[in-house]
Amino acid sequence: MTVRLRRGGAADIERAVRVYVRSNLARRKGEWPNQVARTEAVSHRLADPEGWFDMAEGGNEAVGMVAVVPLLGDEGDGAPIPGGWFVSLLFVVPEWWGKGVGGMLLDAAIEEAAGRGGTEIRLWTDEADNERAHRLYRSRGFAPTGRTVDSDDRKRAGEWIRRRP
């Protein structure tokens, strides 16, 4: 089946949140602390007018999503960093894992950020158990910065960066 990418809008937020929930529940094997609070935060993030999100669709089904917002200084509490973008969400439903959907979404995010004057893109991902994502990020020119934080479910998350060549 062919996958089509398109820009998401207000009418797509619920569908994008369902992709987020399905992906997280599968990857976490049904164990997901703070699911309600995290899902509410994702809904707000997708509605952020300073950023954008793209949807991947297989037929009429939403199979993936990526959301990008301006990169903020002071650990996310400061002013936007000129030329900086932050991939805050990148999720694919489990039935479509390994089929290139994440790469398509990330490529679209990189291209759009560059078109908006982006010189660097950052993201955070789980360190220990997310090798599929690590391979994807490396294949698109991202590298770990070495910064890590405790995530909400007692795991370590690491920051990754891609600078425009």
C-alpha atoms as a PDB file:
ATOM      1  CA  MET A   1       0.000   0.000   0.000  1.00  0.00           C
ATOM      2  CA  THR A   2       1.235   3.495  -0.813  1.00  0.00           C
ATOM      3  CA  VAL A   3       1.929   5.968   1.977  1.00  0.00           C
ATOM      4  CA  ARG A   4       0.999   9.597   1.442  1.00  0.00           C
ATOM      5  CA  LEU A   5       2.365  12.486   3.515  1.00  0.00           C
ATOM      6  CA  ARG A   6       0.463  15.676   4.098  1.00  0.00           C
ATOM      7  CA  ARG A   7       0.476  18.636   6.453  1.00  0.00           C
ATOM      8  CA  GLY A   8      -1.698  18.110   9.503  1.00  0.00           C
ATOM      9  CA  GLY A   9      -4.220  20.609  10.774  1.00  0.00           C
ATOM     10  CA  ALA A  10      -6.617  21.128  13.656  1.00  0.00           C
ATOM     11  CA  ALA A  11      -9.003  18.496  12.260  1.00  0.00           C
ATOM     12  CA  ASP A  12      -6.165  15.916  12.336  1.00  0.00           C
ATOM     13  CA  ILE A  13      -5.066  16.301  15.954  1.00  0.00           C
ATOM     14  CA  GLU A  14      -7.229  13.466  17.266  1.00  0.00           C
ATOM     15  CA  ARG A  15      -5.954  11.091  14.558  1.00  0.00           C
ATOM     16  CA  ALA A  16      -2.339  12.083  15.265  1.00  0.00           C
ATOM     17  CA  VAL A  17      -2.842  11.496  19.001  1.00  0.00           C
ATOM     18  CA  ARG A  18      -4.196   8.005  18.240  1.00  0.00           C
ATOM     19  CA  VAL A  19      -0.990   7.237  16.312  1.00  0.00           C
ATOM     20  CA  TYR A  20       1.022   8.441  19.314  1.00  0.00           C
ATOM     21  CA  VAL A  21      -0.974   6.294  21.753  1.00  0.00           C
ATOM     22  CA  ARG A  22      -0.908   3.124  19.614  1.00  0.00           C
ATOM     23  CA  SER A  23       2.832   3.396  19.032  1.00  0.00           C
ATOM     24  CA  ASN A  24       3.654   4.025  22.681  1.00  0.00           C
ATOM     25  CA  LEU A  25       1.443   1.238  23.986  1.00  0.00           C
ATOM     26  CA  ALA A  26       3.069  -1.241  21.593  1.00  0.00           C
ATOM     27  CA  ARG A  27       6.656  -0.163  22.281  1.00  0.00           C
ATOM     28  CA  ARG A  28       6.067  -0.113  26.037  1.00  0.00           C
ATOM     29  CA  LYS A  29       4.189  -3.427  25.931  1.00  0.00           C
ATOM     30  CA  GLY A  30       1.123  -1.856  27.526  1.00  0.00           C
ATOM     31  CA  GLU A  31       3.036  -0.373  30.494  1.00  0.00           C
ATOM     32  CA  TRP A  32       2.875   3.400  30.159  1.00  0.00           C
ATOM     33  CA  PRO A  33       3.032   5.655  33.221  1.00  0.00           C
ATOM     34  CA  ASN A  34       1.464   9.099  32.858  1.00  0.00           C
ATOM     35  CA  GLN A  35      -0.403   8.162  29.676  1.00  0.00           C
ATOM     36  CA  VAL A  36      -3.284  10.591  30.228  1.00  0.00           C
ATOM     37  CA  ALA A  37      -1.067  13.573  31.040  1.00  0.00           C
ATOM     38  CA  ARG A  38       1.315  12.803  28.168  1.00  0.00           C
ATOM     39  CA  THR A  39      -1.567  12.447  25.701  1.00  0.00           C
ATOM     40  CA  GLU A  40      -3.024  15.808  26.769  1.00  0.00           C
ATOM     41  CA  ALA A  41       0.398  17.437  26.348  1.00  0.00           C
ATOM     42  CA  VAL A  42       0.677  15.966  22.837  1.00  0.00           C
ATOM     43  CA  SER A  43      -2.708  17.428  21.871  1.00  0.00           C
ATOM     44  CA  HIS A  44      -1.516  20.867  22.975  1.00  0.00           C
ATOM     45  CA  ARG A  45       1.820  20.467  21.189  1.00  0.00           C
ATOM     46  CA  LEU A  46       0.085  19.583  17.913  1.00  0.00           C
ATOM     47  CA  ALA A  47      -2.019  22.736  18.177  1.00  0.00           C
ATOM     48  CA  ASP A  48       1.064  24.979  18.637  1.00  0.00           C
ATOM     49  CA  PRO A  49       0.857  27.639  15.887  1.00  0.00           C
ATOM     50  CA  GLU A  50       4.637  28.169  15.990  1.00  0.00           C
ATOM     51  CA  GLY A  51       5.291  24.682  14.624  1.00  0.00           C
ATOM     52  CA  TRP A  52       3.739  22.168  12.280  1.00  0.00           C
ATOM     53  CA  PHE A  53       2.947  18.502  12.022  1.00  0.00           C
ATOM     54  CA  ASP A  54       2.733  16.065   9.152  1.00  0.00           C
ATOM     55  CA  MET A  55       0.603  12.956   8.846  1.00  0.00           C
ATOM     56  CA  ALA A  56       1.446   9.731   7.025  1.00  0.00           C
ATOM     57  CA  GLU A  57      -1.563   7.897   5.659  1.00  0.00           C
ATOM     58  CA  GLY A  58      -1.874   4.412   4.238  1.00  0.00           C
ATOM     59  CA  GLY A  59      -5.205   4.441   2.462  1.00  0.00           C
ATOM     60  CA  ASN A  60      -7.606   6.197   4.831  1.00  0.00           C
ATOM     61  CA  GLU A  61      -5.663   5.159   7.936  1.00  0.00           C
ATOM     62  CA  ALA A  62      -3.275   7.451   9.817  1.00  0.00           C
ATOM     63  CA  VAL A  63      -0.077   5.404  10.115  1.00  0.00           C
ATOM     64  CA  GLY A  64       2.444   7.977  11.327  1.00  0.00           C
ATOM     65  CA  MET A  65       3.041  11.549  12.423  1.00  0.00           C
ATOM     66  CA  VAL A  66       5.861  13.998  13.083  1.00  0.00           C
ATOM     67  CA  ALA A  67       5.617  17.328  14.917  1.00  0.00           C
ATOM     68  CA  VAL A  68       8.225  20.080  14.862  1.00  0.00           C
ATOM     69  CA  VAL A  69       8.384  23.274  16.925  1.00  0.00           C
ATOM     70  CA  PRO A  70      10.948  26.053  17.313  1.00  0.00           C
ATOM     71  CA  LEU A  71      13.986  25.102  19.386  1.00  0.00           C
ATOM     72  CA  LEU A  72      13.948  27.115  22.606  1.00  0.00           C
ATOM     73  CA  GLY A  73      16.911  28.149  24.735  1.00  0.00           C
ATOM     74  CA  ASP A  74      17.223  27.675  28.503  1.00  0.00           C
ATOM     75  CA  GLU A  75      16.267  23.988  28.394  1.00  0.00           C
ATOM     76  CA  GLY A  76      13.049  24.770  26.540  1.00  0.00           C
ATOM     77  CA  ASP A  77      11.975  27.713  28.719  1.00  0.00           C
ATOM     78  CA  GLY A  78      13.728  30.500  26.804  1.00  0.00           C
ATOM     79  CA  ALA A  79      13.376  32.379  23.566  1.00  0.00           C
ATOM     80  CA  PRO A  80      13.519  30.605  20.203  1.00  0.00           C
ATOM     81  CA  ILE A  81      17.044  29.895  18.959  1.00  0.00           C
ATOM     82  CA  PRO A  82      17.461  31.381  15.465  1.00  0.00           C
ATOM     83  CA  GLY A  83      17.644  28.593  12.881  1.00  0.00           C
ATOM     84  CA  GLY A  84      16.795  25.930  15.464  1.00  0.00           C
ATOM     85  CA  TRP A  85      13.968  23.404  15.264  1.00  0.00           C
ATOM     86  CA  PHE A  86      12.942  20.615  17.612  1.00  0.00           C
ATOM     87  CA  VAL A  87      11.347  17.321  16.522  1.00  0.00           C
ATOM     88  CA  SER A  88       9.039  16.893  19.481  1.00  0.00           C
ATOM     89  CA  LEU A  89       7.126  13.855  18.188  1.00  0.00           C
ATOM     90  CA  LEU A  90       7.803  11.133  15.634  1.00  0.00           C
ATOM     91  CA  PHE A  91       5.591   8.055  15.831  1.00  0.00           C
ATOM     92  CA  VAL A  92       4.456   5.253  13.539  1.00  0.00           C
ATOM     93  CA  VAL A  93       1.779   2.670  14.340  1.00  0.00           C
ATOM     94  CA  PRO A  94       3.284  -0.793  14.967  1.00  0.00           C
ATOM     95  CA  GLU A  95       1.842  -2.442  11.852  1.00  0.00           C
ATOM     96  CA  TRP A  96       3.931  -0.024   9.781  1.00  0.00           C
ATOM     97  CA  TRP A  97       7.217  -0.260  11.709  1.00  0.00           C
ATOM     98  CA  GLY A  98      10.157  -1.077   9.464  1.00  0.00           C
ATOM     99  CA  LYS A  99       8.402   0.028   6.265  1.00  0.00           C
ATOM    100  CA  GLY A 100      10.095   3.401   5.821  1.00  0.00           C
ATOM    101  CA  VAL A 101       7.302   5.590   7.188  1.00  0.00           C
ATOM    102  CA  GLY A 102       9.448   7.092   9.949  1.00  0.00           C
ATOM    103  CA  GLY A 103      12.136   7.964   7.414  1.00  0.00           C
ATOM    104  CA  MET A 104       9.617   9.626   5.121  1.00  0.00           C
ATOM    105  CA  LEU A 105       8.271  11.700   7.999  1.00  0.00           C
ATOM    106  CA  LEU A 106      11.722  12.676   9.254  1.00  0.00           C
ATOM    107  CA  ASP A 107      12.859  13.606   5.729  1.00  0.00           C
ATOM    108  CA  ALA A 108       9.793  15.845   5.353  1.00  0.00           C
ATOM    109  CA  ALA A 109      10.526  17.501   8.711  1.00  0.00           C
ATOM    110  CA  ILE A 110      14.174  18.129   7.755  1.00  0.00           C
ATOM    111  CA  GLU A 111      13.162  19.597   4.401  1.00  0.00           C
ATOM    112  CA  GLU A 112      10.506  21.878   5.897  1.00  0.00           C
ATOM    113  CA  ALA A 113      12.872  23.067   8.650  1.00  0.00           C
ATOM    114  CA  ALA A 114      15.517  23.912   6.039  1.00  0.00           C
ATOM    115  CA  GLY A 115      12.883  25.785   4.028  1.00  0.00           C
ATOM    116  CA  ARG A 116      12.131  27.813   7.145  1.00  0.00           C
ATOM    117  CA  GLY A 117      15.783  28.778   7.544  1.00  0.00           C
ATOM    118  CA  GLY A 118      16.702  25.924   9.851  1.00  0.00           C
ATOM    119  CA  THR A 119      20.379  25.298  10.505  1.00  0.00           C
ATOM    120  CA  GLU A 120      19.967  22.647  13.180  1.00  0.00           C
ATOM    121  CA  ILE A 121      17.356  20.185  14.382  1.00  0.00           C
ATOM    122  CA  ARG A 122      17.379  18.511  17.774  1.00  0.00           C
ATOM    123  CA  LEU A 123      15.350  15.739  19.353  1.00  0.00           C
ATOM    124  CA  TRP A 124      15.316  13.495  22.431  1.00  0.00           C
ATOM    125  CA  THR A 125      14.855   9.734  22.442  1.00  0.00           C
ATOM    126  CA  ASP A 126      15.078   6.864  24.918  1.00  0.00           C
ATOM    127  CA  GLU A 127      18.671   5.734  25.219  1.00  0.00           C
ATOM    128  CA  ALA A 128      18.513   2.065  26.165  1.00  0.00           C
ATOM    129  CA  ASP A 129      15.738   0.401  24.216  1.00  0.00           C
ATOM    130  CA  ASN A 130      15.082   2.373  21.063  1.00  0.00           C
ATOM    131  CA  GLU A 131      17.703   1.106  18.610  1.00  0.00           C
ATOM    132  CA  ARG A 132      15.235   1.263  15.694  1.00  0.00           C
ATOM    133  CA  ALA A 133      14.913   5.016  16.215  1.00  0.00           C
ATOM    134  CA  HIS A 134      18.671   5.421  16.724  1.00  0.00           C
ATOM    135  CA  ARG A 135      19.340   3.754  13.343  1.00  0.00           C
ATOM    136  CA  LEU A 136      16.829   6.073  11.677  1.00  0.00           C
ATOM    137  CA  TYR A 137      18.349   9.208  13.207  1.00  0.00           C
ATOM    138  CA  ARG A 138      21.905   8.181  12.324  1.00  0.00           C
ATOM    139  CA  SER A 139      20.832   7.453   8.730  1.00  0.00           C
ATOM    140  CA  ARG A 140      19.547  11.041   8.436  1.00  0.00           C
ATOM    141  CA  GLY A 141      22.696  12.704   9.786  1.00  0.00           C
ATOM    142  CA  PHE A 142      21.754  13.045  13.463  1.00  0.00           C
ATOM    143  CA  ALA A 143      24.307  12.307  16.187  1.00  0.00           C
ATOM    144  CA  PRO A 144      24.011  12.095  19.972  1.00  0.00           C
ATOM    145  CA  THR A 145      25.121  15.267  21.769  1.00  0.00           C
ATOM    146  CA  GLY A 146      26.009  13.377  24.944  1.00  0.00           C
ATOM    147  CA  ARG A 147      23.345  15.151  26.985  1.00  0.00           C
ATOM    148  CA  THR A 148      20.940  12.867  28.852  1.00  0.00           C
ATOM    149  CA  VAL A 149      18.044  13.325  31.249  1.00  0.00           C
ATOM    150  CA  ASP A 150      15.768  11.087  33.253  1.00  0.00           C
ATOM    151  CA  SER A 151      12.529  10.534  31.365  1.00  0.00           C
ATOM    152  CA  ASP A 152       9.088  10.220  32.933  1.00  0.00           C
ATOM    153  CA  ASP A 153       9.182   6.422  33.106  1.00  0.00           C
ATOM    154  CA  ARG A 154      12.536   5.963  34.881  1.00  0.00           C
ATOM    155  CA  LYS A 155      14.574   5.637  31.713  1.00  0.00           C
ATOM    156  CA  ARG A 156      17.333   7.816  30.314  1.00  0.00           C
ATOM    157  CA  ALA A 157      16.650   9.974  27.276  1.00  0.00           C
ATOM    158  CA  GLY A 158      19.424  11.302  25.088  1.00  0.00           C
ATOM    159  CA  GLU A 159      19.569  14.406  22.935  1.00  0.00           C
ATOM    160  CA  TRP A 160      20.423  14.126  19.223  1.00  0.00           C
ATOM    161  CA  ILE A 161      21.326  16.898  16.767  1.00  0.00           C
ATOM    162  CA  ARG A 162      21.535  17.373  13.020  1.00  0.00           C
ATOM    163  CA  ARG A 163      23.279  20.437  11.661  1.00  0.00           C
ATOM    164  CA  ARG A 164      22.742  21.615   8.128  1.00  0.00           C
ATOM    165  CA  PRO A 165      25.799  20.742   6.049  1.00  0.00           C
END
